[in-house]
PDB file of all heavy atoms in Angstrom:
ATOM      1  N   SER A   1      -8.486  14.133 -28.642  1.00  0.00           N
ATOM      2  CA  SER A   1      -9.362  15.216 -28.223  1.00  0.00           C
ATOM      3  C   SER A   1     -10.764  15.024 -28.790  1.00  0.00           C
ATOM      4  O   SER A   1     -10.951  14.905 -30.006  1.00  0.00           O
ATOM      5  CB  SER A   1      -8.790  16.555 -28.694  1.00  0.00           C
ATOM      6  OG  SER A   1      -9.619  17.614 -28.297  1.00  0.00           O
ATOM      7  N   GLY A   2     -11.763  14.958 -27.907  1.00  0.00           N
ATOM      8  CA  GLY A   2     -13.139  14.753 -28.317  1.00  0.00           C
ATOM      9  C   GLY A   2     -13.577  13.318 -28.360  1.00  0.00           C
ATOM     10  O   GLY A   2     -14.760  13.043 -28.591  1.00  0.00           O
ATOM     11  N   GLY A   3     -12.657  12.366 -28.138  1.00  0.00           N
ATOM     12  CA  GLY A   3     -13.007  10.956 -28.208  1.00  0.00           C
ATOM     13  C   GLY A   3     -13.920  10.514 -27.081  1.00  0.00           C
ATOM     14  O   GLY A   3     -13.847  11.024 -25.966  1.00  0.00           O
ATOM     15  N   PHE A   4     -14.771   9.547 -27.385  1.00  0.00           N
ATOM     16  CA  PHE A   4     -15.689   8.983 -26.388  1.00  0.00           C
ATOM     17  C   PHE A   4     -15.126   7.667 -25.871  1.00  0.00           C
ATOM     18  O   PHE A   4     -14.515   6.909 -26.619  1.00  0.00           O
ATOM     19  CB  PHE A   4     -17.072   8.724 -27.005  1.00  0.00           C
ATOM     20  CG  PHE A   4     -17.826   9.968 -27.354  1.00  0.00           C
ATOM     21  CD1 PHE A   4     -17.636  10.590 -28.589  1.00  0.00           C
ATOM     22  CD2 PHE A   4     -18.744  10.517 -26.475  1.00  0.00           C
ATOM     23  CE1 PHE A   4     -18.335  11.733 -28.928  1.00  0.00           C
ATOM     24  CE2 PHE A   4     -19.458  11.663 -26.807  1.00  0.00           C
ATOM     25  CZ  PHE A   4     -19.254  12.274 -28.031  1.00  0.00           C
ATOM     26  N   PHE A   5     -15.376   7.385 -24.602  1.00  0.00           N
ATOM     27  CA  PHE A   5     -14.942   6.111 -24.029  1.00  0.00           C
ATOM     28  C   PHE A   5     -15.960   5.658 -22.999  1.00  0.00           C
ATOM     29  O   PHE A   5     -16.732   6.463 -22.462  1.00  0.00           O
ATOM     30  CB  PHE A   5     -13.551   6.232 -23.398  1.00  0.00           C
ATOM     31  CG  PHE A   5     -13.439   7.339 -22.392  1.00  0.00           C
ATOM     32  CD1 PHE A   5     -13.848   7.163 -21.070  1.00  0.00           C
ATOM     33  CD2 PHE A   5     -12.925   8.578 -22.760  1.00  0.00           C
ATOM     34  CE1 PHE A   5     -13.744   8.185 -20.153  1.00  0.00           C
ATOM     35  CE2 PHE A   5     -12.827   9.606 -21.839  1.00  0.00           C
ATOM     36  CZ  PHE A   5     -13.239   9.410 -20.536  1.00  0.00           C
ATOM     37  N   ALA A   6     -15.962   4.350 -22.741  1.00  0.00           N
ATOM     38  CA  ALA A   6     -16.874   3.766 -21.763  1.00  0.00           C
ATOM     39  C   ALA A   6     -16.169   3.624 -20.423  1.00  0.00           C
ATOM     40  O   ALA A   6     -14.943   3.677 -20.330  1.00  0.00           O
ATOM     41  CB  ALA A   6     -17.368   2.407 -22.252  1.00  0.00           C
ATOM     42  N   ALA A   7     -16.980   3.438 -19.395  1.00  0.00           N
ATOM     43  CA  ALA A   7     -16.415   3.246 -18.060  1.00  0.00           C
ATOM     44  C   ALA A   7     -15.589   1.966 -18.025  1.00  0.00           C
ATOM     45  O   ALA A   7     -15.974   0.938 -18.597  1.00  0.00           O
ATOM     46  CB  ALA A   7     -17.534   3.192 -17.022  1.00  0.00           C
ATOM     47  N   ASN A   8     -14.433   2.018 -17.368  1.00  0.00           N
ATOM     48  CA  ASN A   8     -13.521   0.889 -17.172  1.00  0.00           C
ATOM     49  C   ASN A   8     -12.861   0.427 -18.466  1.00  0.00           C
ATOM     50  O   ASN A   8     -12.243  -0.652 -18.501  1.00  0.00           O
ATOM     51  CB  ASN A   8     -14.246  -0.290 -16.510  1.00  0.00           C
ATOM     52  CG  ASN A   8     -13.304  -1.185 -15.732  1.00  0.00           C
ATOM     53  OD1 ASN A   8     -12.382  -0.706 -15.065  1.00  0.00           O
ATOM     54  ND2 ASN A   8     -13.511  -2.489 -15.808  1.00  0.00           N
ATOM     55  N   GLU A   9     -12.954   1.206 -19.513  1.00  0.00           N
ATOM     56  CA  GLU A   9     -12.311   0.846 -20.780  1.00  0.00           C
ATOM     57  C   GLU A   9     -10.821   1.157 -20.705  1.00  0.00           C
ATOM     58  O   GLU A   9     -10.402   2.180 -20.169  1.00  0.00           O
ATOM     59  CB  GLU A   9     -12.956   1.617 -21.926  1.00  0.00           C
ATOM     60  CG  GLU A   9     -12.553   1.111 -23.298  1.00  0.00           C
ATOM     61  CD  GLU A   9     -13.428   1.692 -24.400  1.00  0.00           C
ATOM     62  OE1 GLU A   9     -14.252   2.577 -24.108  1.00  0.00           O
ATOM     63  OE2 GLU A   9     -13.284   1.244 -25.546  1.00  0.00           O
ATOM     64  N   VAL A  10      -9.987   0.236 -21.251  1.00  0.00           N
ATOM     65  CA  VAL A  10      -8.533   0.421 -21.237  1.00  0.00           C
ATOM     66  C   VAL A  10      -8.164   1.442 -22.306  1.00  0.00           C
ATOM     67  O   VAL A  10      -8.380   1.225 -23.497  1.00  0.00           O
ATOM     68  CB  VAL A  10      -7.807  -0.911 -21.486  1.00  0.00           C
ATOM     69  CG1 VAL A  10      -6.293  -0.677 -21.538  1.00  0.00           C
ATOM     70  CG2 VAL A  10      -8.144  -1.923 -20.403  1.00  0.00           C
ATOM     71  N   LEU A  11      -7.606   2.561 -21.876  1.00  0.00           N
ATOM     72  CA  LEU A  11      -7.222   3.614 -22.815  1.00  0.00           C
ATOM     73  C   LEU A  11      -5.749   3.555 -23.174  1.00  0.00           C
ATOM     74  O   LEU A  11      -5.367   3.914 -24.294  1.00  0.00           O
ATOM     75  CB  LEU A  11      -7.557   4.986 -22.209  1.00  0.00           C
ATOM     76  CG  LEU A  11      -9.032   5.239 -21.902  1.00  0.00           C
ATOM     77  CD1 LEU A  11      -9.221   6.651 -21.347  1.00  0.00           C
ATOM     78  CD2 LEU A  11      -9.897   5.022 -23.130  1.00  0.00           C
ATOM     79  N   VAL A  12      -4.914   3.111 -22.245  1.00  0.00           N
ATOM     80  CA  VAL A  12      -3.467   3.012 -22.479  1.00  0.00           C
ATOM     81  C   VAL A  12      -2.979   1.719 -21.829  1.00  0.00           C
ATOM     82  O   VAL A  12      -3.395   1.368 -20.720  1.00  0.00           O
ATOM     83  CB  VAL A  12      -2.709   4.215 -21.878  1.00  0.00           C
ATOM     84  CG1 VAL A  12      -1.205   4.041 -22.055  1.00  0.00           C
ATOM     85  CG2 VAL A  12      -3.170   5.515 -22.520  1.00  0.00           C
ATOM     86  N   ARG A  13      -2.073   1.006 -22.532  1.00  0.00           N
ATOM     87  CA  ARG A  13      -1.459  -0.196 -21.957  1.00  0.00           C
ATOM     88  C   ARG A  13       0.056  -0.018 -21.948  1.00  0.00           C
ATOM     89  O   ARG A  13       0.676   0.272 -22.972  1.00  0.00           O
ATOM     90  CB  ARG A  13      -1.852  -1.435 -22.745  1.00  0.00           C
ATOM     91  CG  ARG A  13      -1.175  -2.718 -22.276  1.00  0.00           C
ATOM     92  CD  ARG A  13      -1.887  -3.935 -22.822  1.00  0.00           C
ATOM     93  NE  ARG A  13      -3.192  -4.096 -22.191  1.00  0.00           N
ATOM     94  CZ  ARG A  13      -4.254  -4.595 -22.818  1.00  0.00           C
ATOM     95  NH1 ARG A  13      -4.179  -4.917 -24.106  1.00  0.00           N
ATOM     96  NH2 ARG A  13      -5.396  -4.726 -22.176  1.00  0.00           N
ATOM     97  N   ILE A  14       0.630  -0.186 -20.756  1.00  0.00           N
ATOM     98  CA  ILE A  14       2.081  -0.116 -20.571  1.00  0.00           C
ATOM     99  C   ILE A  14       2.656  -1.523 -20.719  1.00  0.00           C
ATOM    100  O   ILE A  14       2.026  -2.510 -20.304  1.00  0.00           O
ATOM    101  CB  ILE A  14       2.412   0.472 -19.191  1.00  0.00           C
ATOM    102  CG1 ILE A  14       1.952   1.936 -19.131  1.00  0.00           C
ATOM    103  CG2 ILE A  14       3.890   0.378 -18.878  1.00  0.00           C
ATOM    104  CD1 ILE A  14       2.102   2.582 -17.783  1.00  0.00           C
ATOM    105  N   ASP A  15       3.844  -1.643 -21.298  1.00  0.00           N
ATOM    106  CA  ASP A  15       4.513  -2.938 -21.475  1.00  0.00           C
ATOM    107  C   ASP A  15       4.550  -3.662 -20.120  1.00  0.00           C
ATOM    108  O   ASP A  15       5.174  -3.195 -19.159  1.00  0.00           O
ATOM    109  CB  ASP A  15       5.927  -2.712 -21.988  1.00  0.00           C
ATOM    110  CG  ASP A  15       6.629  -4.011 -22.363  1.00  0.00           C
ATOM    111  OD1 ASP A  15       6.109  -5.094 -22.012  1.00  0.00           O
ATOM    112  OD2 ASP A  15       7.697  -3.953 -22.981  1.00  0.00           O
ATOM    113  N   PRO A  16       3.903  -4.837 -20.013  1.00  0.00           N
ATOM    114  CA  PRO A  16       3.754  -5.482 -18.708  1.00  0.00           C
ATOM    115  C   PRO A  16       4.844  -6.494 -18.367  1.00  0.00           C
ATOM    116  O   PRO A  16       4.788  -7.116 -17.299  1.00  0.00           O
ATOM    117  CB  PRO A  16       2.406  -6.189 -18.850  1.00  0.00           C
ATOM    118  CG  PRO A  16       2.373  -6.607 -20.291  1.00  0.00           C
ATOM    119  CD  PRO A  16       3.097  -5.527 -21.049  1.00  0.00           C
ATOM    120  N   ARG A  17       5.853  -6.703 -19.237  1.00  0.00           N
ATOM    121  CA  ARG A  17       6.768  -7.822 -19.017  1.00  0.00           C
ATOM    122  C   ARG A  17       7.551  -7.694 -17.719  1.00  0.00           C
ATOM    123  O   ARG A  17       7.744  -8.695 -17.006  1.00  0.00           O
ATOM    124  CB  ARG A  17       7.723  -7.933 -20.200  1.00  0.00           C
ATOM    125  CG  ARG A  17       7.041  -8.478 -21.456  1.00  0.00           C
ATOM    126  CD  ARG A  17       7.968  -8.481 -22.637  1.00  0.00           C
ATOM    127  NE  ARG A  17       8.316  -7.104 -23.051  1.00  0.00           N
ATOM    128  CZ  ARG A  17       9.124  -6.832 -24.068  1.00  0.00           C
ATOM    129  NH1 ARG A  17       9.693  -7.826 -24.760  1.00  0.00           N
ATOM    130  NH2 ARG A  17       9.376  -5.583 -24.410  1.00  0.00           N
ATOM    131  N   ASP A  18       8.020  -6.521 -17.387  1.00  0.00           N
ATOM    132  CA  ASP A  18       8.738  -6.359 -16.115  1.00  0.00           C
ATOM    133  C   ASP A  18       7.866  -6.742 -14.929  1.00  0.00           C
ATOM    134  O   ASP A  18       8.347  -7.315 -13.938  1.00  0.00           O
ATOM    135  CB  ASP A  18       9.208  -4.914 -15.957  1.00  0.00           C
ATOM    136  CG  ASP A  18      10.337  -4.563 -16.919  1.00  0.00           C
ATOM    137  OD1 ASP A  18      11.002  -5.507 -17.416  1.00  0.00           O
ATOM    138  OD2 ASP A  18      10.540  -3.364 -17.177  1.00  0.00           O
ATOM    139  N   TYR A  19       6.571  -6.464 -15.025  1.00  0.00           N
ATOM    140  CA  TYR A  19       5.664  -6.748 -13.916  1.00  0.00           C
ATOM    141  C   TYR A  19       5.272  -8.220 -13.891  1.00  0.00           C
ATOM    142  O   TYR A  19       4.995  -8.776 -12.824  1.00  0.00           O
ATOM    143  CB  TYR A  19       4.447  -5.833 -14.022  1.00  0.00           C
ATOM    144  CG  TYR A  19       4.871  -4.374 -13.989  1.00  0.00           C
ATOM    145  CD1 TYR A  19       5.060  -3.649 -15.162  1.00  0.00           C
ATOM    146  CD2 TYR A  19       5.146  -3.752 -12.781  1.00  0.00           C
ATOM    147  CE1 TYR A  19       5.486  -2.332 -15.129  1.00  0.00           C
ATOM    148  CE2 TYR A  19       5.575  -2.434 -12.730  1.00  0.00           C
ATOM    149  CZ  TYR A  19       5.751  -1.738 -13.920  1.00  0.00           C
ATOM    150  OH  TYR A  19       6.197  -0.434 -13.866  1.00  0.00           O
ATOM    151  N   ASP A  20       5.282  -8.872 -15.055  1.00  0.00           N
ATOM    152  CA  ASP A  20       5.085 -10.322 -15.083  1.00  0.00           C
ATOM    153  C   ASP A  20       6.251 -11.028 -14.393  1.00  0.00           C
ATOM    154  O   ASP A  20       6.049 -11.997 -13.646  1.00  0.00           O
ATOM    155  CB  ASP A  20       4.961 -10.814 -16.525  1.00  0.00           C
ATOM    156  CG  ASP A  20       3.660 -10.371 -17.173  1.00  0.00           C
ATOM    157  OD1 ASP A  20       2.685 -10.094 -16.437  1.00  0.00           O
ATOM    158  OD2 ASP A  20       3.620 -10.279 -18.419  1.00  0.00           O
ATOM    159  N   TYR A  21       7.469 -10.530 -14.651  1.00  0.00           N
ATOM    160  CA  TYR A  21       8.644 -11.114 -13.996  1.00  0.00           C
ATOM    161  C   TYR A  21       8.562 -10.922 -12.478  1.00  0.00           C
ATOM    162  O   TYR A  21       8.927 -11.816 -11.704  1.00  0.00           O
ATOM    163  CB  TYR A  21       9.923 -10.479 -14.517  1.00  0.00           C
ATOM    164  CG  TYR A  21      10.124 -10.625 -16.015  1.00  0.00           C
ATOM    165  CD1 TYR A  21      10.860  -9.681 -16.743  1.00  0.00           C
ATOM    166  CD2 TYR A  21       9.583 -11.717 -16.713  1.00  0.00           C
ATOM    167  CE1 TYR A  21      11.049  -9.816 -18.112  1.00  0.00           C
ATOM    168  CE2 TYR A  21       9.760 -11.846 -18.076  1.00  0.00           C
ATOM    169  CZ  TYR A  21      10.486 -10.893 -18.771  1.00  0.00           C
ATOM    170  OH  TYR A  21      10.668 -11.022 -20.120  1.00  0.00           O
ATOM    171  N   ALA A  22       8.099  -9.756 -12.064  1.00  0.00           N
ATOM    172  CA  ALA A  22       7.978  -9.492 -10.627  1.00  0.00           C
ATOM    173  C   ALA A  22       6.969 -10.438  -9.989  1.00  0.00           C
ATOM    174  O   ALA A  22       7.159 -10.884  -8.847  1.00  0.00           O
ATOM    175  CB  ALA A  22       7.571  -8.047 -10.406  1.00  0.00           C
ATOM    176  N   ILE A  23       5.896 -10.773 -10.712  1.00  0.00           N
ATOM    177  CA  ILE A  23       4.906 -11.717 -10.184  1.00  0.00           C
ATOM    178  C   ILE A  23       5.526 -13.093 -10.027  1.00  0.00           C
ATOM    179  O   ILE A  23       5.326 -13.790  -9.002  1.00  0.00           O
ATOM    180  CB  ILE A  23       3.674 -11.770 -11.106  1.00  0.00           C
ATOM    181  CG1 ILE A  23       2.889 -10.458 -11.017  1.00  0.00           C
ATOM    182  CG2 ILE A  23       2.780 -12.954 -10.757  1.00  0.00           C
ATOM    183  CD1 ILE A  23       1.724 -10.366 -11.980  1.00  0.00           C
ATOM    184  N   ALA A  24       6.308 -13.524 -11.033  1.00  0.00           N
ATOM    185  CA  ALA A  24       6.953 -14.832 -10.948  1.00  0.00           C
ATOM    186  C   ALA A  24       7.916 -14.891  -9.764  1.00  0.00           C
ATOM    187  O   ALA A  24       7.954 -15.887  -9.022  1.00  0.00           O
ATOM    188  CB  ALA A  24       7.692 -15.141 -12.246  1.00  0.00           C
ATOM    189  N   ALA A  25       8.695 -13.838  -9.560  1.00  0.00           N
ATOM    190  CA  ALA A  25       9.621 -13.806  -8.426  1.00  0.00           C
ATOM    191  C   ALA A  25       8.872 -13.819  -7.109  1.00  0.00           C
ATOM    192  O   ALA A  25       9.273 -14.480  -6.133  1.00  0.00           O
ATOM    193  CB  ALA A  25      10.512 -12.573  -8.521  1.00  0.00           C
ATOM    194  N   ALA A  26       7.756 -13.117  -7.040  1.00  0.00           N
ATOM    195  CA  ALA A  26       6.971 -13.081  -5.805  1.00  0.00           C
ATOM    196  C   ALA A  26       6.339 -14.439  -5.527  1.00  0.00           C
ATOM    197  O   ALA A  26       6.230 -14.861  -4.362  1.00  0.00           O
ATOM    198  CB  ALA A  26       5.901 -12.001  -5.906  1.00  0.00           C
ATOM    199  N   GLU A  27       5.912 -15.143  -6.569  1.00  0.00           N
ATOM    200  CA  GLU A  27       5.354 -16.482  -6.376  1.00  0.00           C
ATOM    201  C   GLU A  27       6.406 -17.427  -5.833  1.00  0.00           C
ATOM    202  O   GLU A  27       6.114 -18.274  -4.952  1.00  0.00           O
ATOM    203  CB  GLU A  27       4.798 -17.001  -7.705  1.00  0.00           C
ATOM    204  CG  GLU A  27       3.515 -16.287  -8.142  1.00  0.00           C
ATOM    205  CD  GLU A  27       3.066 -16.713  -9.521  1.00  0.00           C
ATOM    206  OE1 GLU A  27       3.912 -17.281 -10.265  1.00  0.00           O
ATOM    207  OE2 GLU A  27       1.903 -16.460  -9.881  1.00  0.00           O
ATOM    208  N   ALA A  28       7.642 -17.302  -6.320  1.00  0.00           N
ATOM    209  CA  ALA A  28       8.733 -18.129  -5.791  1.00  0.00           C
ATOM    210  C   ALA A  28       8.984 -17.802  -4.327  1.00  0.00           C
ATOM    211  O   ALA A  28       9.240 -18.708  -3.507  1.00  0.00           O
ATOM    212  CB  ALA A  28       9.996 -17.907  -6.611  1.00  0.00           C
TER     213      ALA A  28
END
């Protein structure tokens, strides 16, 4: 509450491993 942030700044990161696997499967 009250924090400052810049435009396009990453505020939250979700665990991306499931989505990395989906990219690999889609490339195949």
